[in-house]
Amino acid sequence: MKSRKLFPENKFWKLLSQKGQSLVEFILLLVVISGISYGFVAFMNRNLARYWEYSANLIINDKPGVNTVRLD
């Protein structure tokens, strides 16, 4: 018996293959979006830590009369 007689191509098989493709596309899209999101968060955390460290050092190392603006 020929294989096409056993498994005829009808709408069910096409729909089943499209569901599999949709699942794969969804997973790949989810991975890409998650990767971009985690990368952005890591980048912002690194820069934000530098900003807070700079601000803390500026406050800690403040000396009277140094770095003041004269309005003469």
N, C-alpha and C. Protein backbone atom coordinates (compact mmCIF):
# COMPACT_ATOMS: atom_id res chain seq x y z
N MET A 1 0.84 -1.18 0.00
CA MET A 1 0.00 0.00 0.00
C MET A 1 0.89 1.24 0.00
N LYS A 2 0.51 2.21 -0.76
CA LYS A 2 1.30 3.42 -0.87
C LYS A 2 1.10 4.29 0.36
N SER A 3 2.18 5.05 0.72
CA SER A 3 2.13 5.86 1.92
C SER A 3 1.15 7.01 1.81
N ARG A 4 0.91 7.49 0.59
CA ARG A 4 -0.04 8.59 0.50
C ARG A 4 -1.46 8.14 0.77
N LYS A 5 -1.73 6.87 0.59
CA LYS A 5 -3.07 6.38 0.91
C LYS A 5 -3.24 6.26 2.43
N LEU A 6 -2.14 5.93 3.15
CA LEU A 6 -2.23 5.81 4.59
C LEU A 6 -2.39 7.17 5.26
N PHE A 7 -1.63 8.14 4.80
CA PHE A 7 -1.64 9.47 5.40
C PHE A 7 -1.97 10.50 4.32
N PRO A 8 -3.21 10.64 4.00
CA PRO A 8 -3.55 11.62 2.97
C PRO A 8 -3.33 13.04 3.47
N GLU A 9 -2.91 13.88 2.57
CA GLU A 9 -2.71 15.28 2.94
C GLU A 9 -4.06 15.97 2.96
N ASN A 10 -4.47 16.30 4.14
CA ASN A 10 -5.71 17.05 4.27
C ASN A 10 -5.47 18.23 5.21
N LYS A 11 -6.50 18.91 5.55
CA LYS A 11 -6.37 20.12 6.37
C LYS A 11 -5.84 19.82 7.76
N PHE A 12 -6.13 18.62 8.29
CA PHE A 12 -5.66 18.26 9.63
C PHE A 12 -4.14 18.25 9.69
N TRP A 13 -3.49 17.63 8.73
CA TRP A 13 -2.02 17.54 8.76
C TRP A 13 -1.38 18.91 8.54
N LYS A 14 -1.97 19.72 7.68
CA LYS A 14 -1.45 21.07 7.47
C LYS A 14 -1.60 21.91 8.73
N LEU A 15 -2.74 21.80 9.39
CA LEU A 15 -2.97 22.54 10.61
C LEU A 15 -2.01 22.08 11.71
N LEU A 16 -1.77 20.78 11.79
CA LEU A 16 -0.86 20.24 12.79
C LEU A 16 0.56 20.76 12.56
N SER A 17 1.01 20.82 11.33
CA SER A 17 2.36 21.32 11.05
C SER A 17 2.46 22.81 11.31
N GLN A 18 1.39 23.56 11.06
CA GLN A 18 1.40 25.00 11.34
C GLN A 18 1.44 25.28 12.83
N LYS A 19 0.78 24.44 13.63
CA LYS A 19 0.83 24.61 15.07
C LYS A 19 2.24 24.40 15.58
N GLY A 20 2.94 23.42 15.05
CA GLY A 20 4.32 23.18 15.44
C GLY A 20 5.22 24.34 15.06
N GLN A 21 5.02 24.88 13.88
CA GLN A 21 5.81 26.01 13.43
C GLN A 21 5.52 27.23 14.30
N SER A 22 4.27 27.44 14.65
CA SER A 22 3.91 28.57 15.50
C SER A 22 4.55 28.45 16.87
N LEU A 23 4.59 27.23 17.40
CA LEU A 23 5.21 27.01 18.70
C LEU A 23 6.71 27.32 18.65
N VAL A 24 7.38 26.86 17.61
CA VAL A 24 8.81 27.12 17.46
C VAL A 24 9.07 28.61 17.30
N GLU A 25 8.26 29.28 16.50
CA GLU A 25 8.42 30.72 16.31
C GLU A 25 8.18 31.47 17.62
N PHE A 26 7.19 31.04 18.40
CA PHE A 26 6.92 31.69 19.67
C PHE A 26 8.09 31.52 20.63
N ILE A 27 8.65 30.33 20.69
CA ILE A 27 9.79 30.08 21.59
C ILE A 27 11.00 30.90 21.17
N LEU A 28 11.28 30.94 19.87
CA LEU A 28 12.42 31.73 19.39
C LEU A 28 12.22 33.22 19.67
N LEU A 29 11.02 33.71 19.45
CA LEU A 29 10.73 35.12 19.73
C LEU A 29 10.86 35.42 21.22
N LEU A 30 10.39 34.50 22.05
CA LEU A 30 10.51 34.67 23.50
C LEU A 30 11.96 34.69 23.93
N VAL A 31 12.79 33.84 23.36
CA VAL A 31 14.21 33.80 23.70
C VAL A 31 14.90 35.09 23.28
N VAL A 32 14.59 35.59 22.10
CA VAL A 32 15.22 36.83 21.61
C VAL A 32 14.81 38.02 22.48
N ILE A 33 13.52 38.13 22.78
CA ILE A 33 13.06 39.25 23.60
C ILE A 33 13.64 39.17 25.01
N SER A 34 13.69 37.97 25.57
CA SER A 34 14.27 37.80 26.91
C SER A 34 15.75 38.16 26.91
N GLY A 35 16.48 37.75 25.89
CA GLY A 35 17.90 38.08 25.80
C GLY A 35 18.14 39.57 25.72
N ILE A 36 17.35 40.25 24.91
CA ILE A 36 17.49 41.71 24.81
C ILE A 36 17.15 42.37 26.14
N SER A 37 16.11 41.89 26.79
CA SER A 37 15.70 42.47 28.07
C SER A 37 16.77 42.28 29.14
N TYR A 38 17.28 41.06 29.27
CA TYR A 38 18.32 40.82 30.27
C TYR A 38 19.60 41.60 29.96
N GLY A 39 19.94 41.72 28.70
CA GLY A 39 21.10 42.52 28.32
C GLY A 39 20.93 43.98 28.69
N PHE A 40 19.74 44.52 28.43
CA PHE A 40 19.47 45.92 28.76
C PHE A 40 19.53 46.13 30.27
N VAL A 41 18.94 45.22 31.04
CA VAL A 41 18.95 45.36 32.49
C VAL A 41 20.38 45.28 33.03
N ALA A 42 21.18 44.36 32.52
CA ALA A 42 22.57 44.23 32.96
C ALA A 42 23.36 45.51 32.64
N PHE A 43 23.15 46.05 31.45
CA PHE A 43 23.83 47.28 31.04
C PHE A 43 23.43 48.44 31.94
N MET A 44 22.14 48.58 32.21
CA MET A 44 21.67 49.68 33.05
C MET A 44 22.16 49.53 34.49
N ASN A 45 22.17 48.31 35.01
CA ASN A 45 22.64 48.10 36.38
C ASN A 45 24.11 48.47 36.51
N ARG A 46 24.90 48.12 35.51
CA ARG A 46 26.32 48.45 35.55
C ARG A 46 26.53 49.95 35.55
N ASN A 47 25.83 50.66 34.69
CA ASN A 47 25.97 52.12 34.62
C ASN A 47 25.37 52.80 35.84
N LEU A 48 24.27 52.28 36.34
CA LEU A 48 23.65 52.87 37.51
C LEU A 48 24.55 52.71 38.73
N ALA A 49 25.23 51.58 38.84
CA ALA A 49 26.16 51.36 39.96
C ALA A 49 27.31 52.37 39.89
N ARG A 50 27.81 52.64 38.69
CA ARG A 50 28.88 53.63 38.54
C ARG A 50 28.40 55.01 38.96
N TYR A 51 27.18 55.36 38.58
CA TYR A 51 26.63 56.67 38.93
C TYR A 51 26.50 56.82 40.43
N TRP A 52 25.96 55.82 41.12
CA TRP A 52 25.79 55.89 42.57
C TRP A 52 27.15 55.91 43.27
N GLU A 53 28.11 55.15 42.75
CA GLU A 53 29.45 55.16 43.35
C GLU A 53 30.09 56.55 43.20
N TYR A 54 29.93 57.15 42.03
CA TYR A 54 30.47 58.49 41.81
C TYR A 54 29.80 59.49 42.76
N SER A 55 28.48 59.40 42.90
CA SER A 55 27.75 60.33 43.78
C SER A 55 28.17 60.16 45.23
N ALA A 56 28.32 58.91 45.68
CA ALA A 56 28.74 58.66 47.06
C ALA A 56 30.15 59.18 47.31
N ASN A 57 31.05 58.95 46.37
CA ASN A 57 32.43 59.44 46.52
C ASN A 57 32.47 60.97 46.51
N LEU A 58 31.61 61.59 45.74
CA LEU A 58 31.55 63.04 45.69
C LEU A 58 31.12 63.61 47.05
N ILE A 59 30.15 62.95 47.68
CA ILE A 59 29.68 63.41 48.99
C ILE A 59 30.71 63.12 50.07
N ILE A 60 31.31 61.94 50.03
CA ILE A 60 32.28 61.54 51.06
C ILE A 60 33.54 62.39 50.99
N ASN A 61 34.03 62.66 49.80
CA ASN A 61 35.29 63.37 49.64
C ASN A 61 35.11 64.89 49.54
N ASP A 62 33.98 65.38 49.98
CA ASP A 62 33.71 66.81 49.91
C ASP A 62 34.56 67.55 50.94
N LYS A 63 35.30 68.56 50.47
CA LYS A 63 36.13 69.36 51.37
C LYS A 63 35.66 70.81 51.28
N PRO A 64 35.56 71.47 52.40
CA PRO A 64 35.09 72.86 52.37
C PRO A 64 36.06 73.76 51.60
N GLY A 65 35.53 74.61 50.76
CA GLY A 65 36.34 75.55 50.02
C GLY A 65 36.91 75.01 48.72
N VAL A 66 36.78 73.74 48.48
CA VAL A 66 37.29 73.14 47.24
C VAL A 66 36.11 72.90 46.31
N ASN A 67 36.30 73.17 45.06
CA ASN A 67 35.27 72.97 44.04
C ASN A 67 34.04 73.84 44.28
N THR A 68 34.23 75.00 44.84
CA THR A 68 33.10 75.90 45.01
C THR A 68 33.12 76.91 43.90
N VAL A 69 31.98 77.38 43.53
CA VAL A 69 31.85 78.35 42.44
C VAL A 69 31.78 79.74 43.08
N ARG A 70 32.68 80.62 42.60
CA ARG A 70 32.66 82.00 43.10
C ARG A 70 31.79 82.84 42.18
N LEU A 71 30.94 83.62 42.77
CA LEU A 71 30.01 84.46 42.02
C LEU A 71 30.43 85.92 42.03
N ASP A 72 31.74 86.19 41.96
CA ASP A 72 32.24 87.57 41.98
C ASP A 72 32.07 88.24 40.65
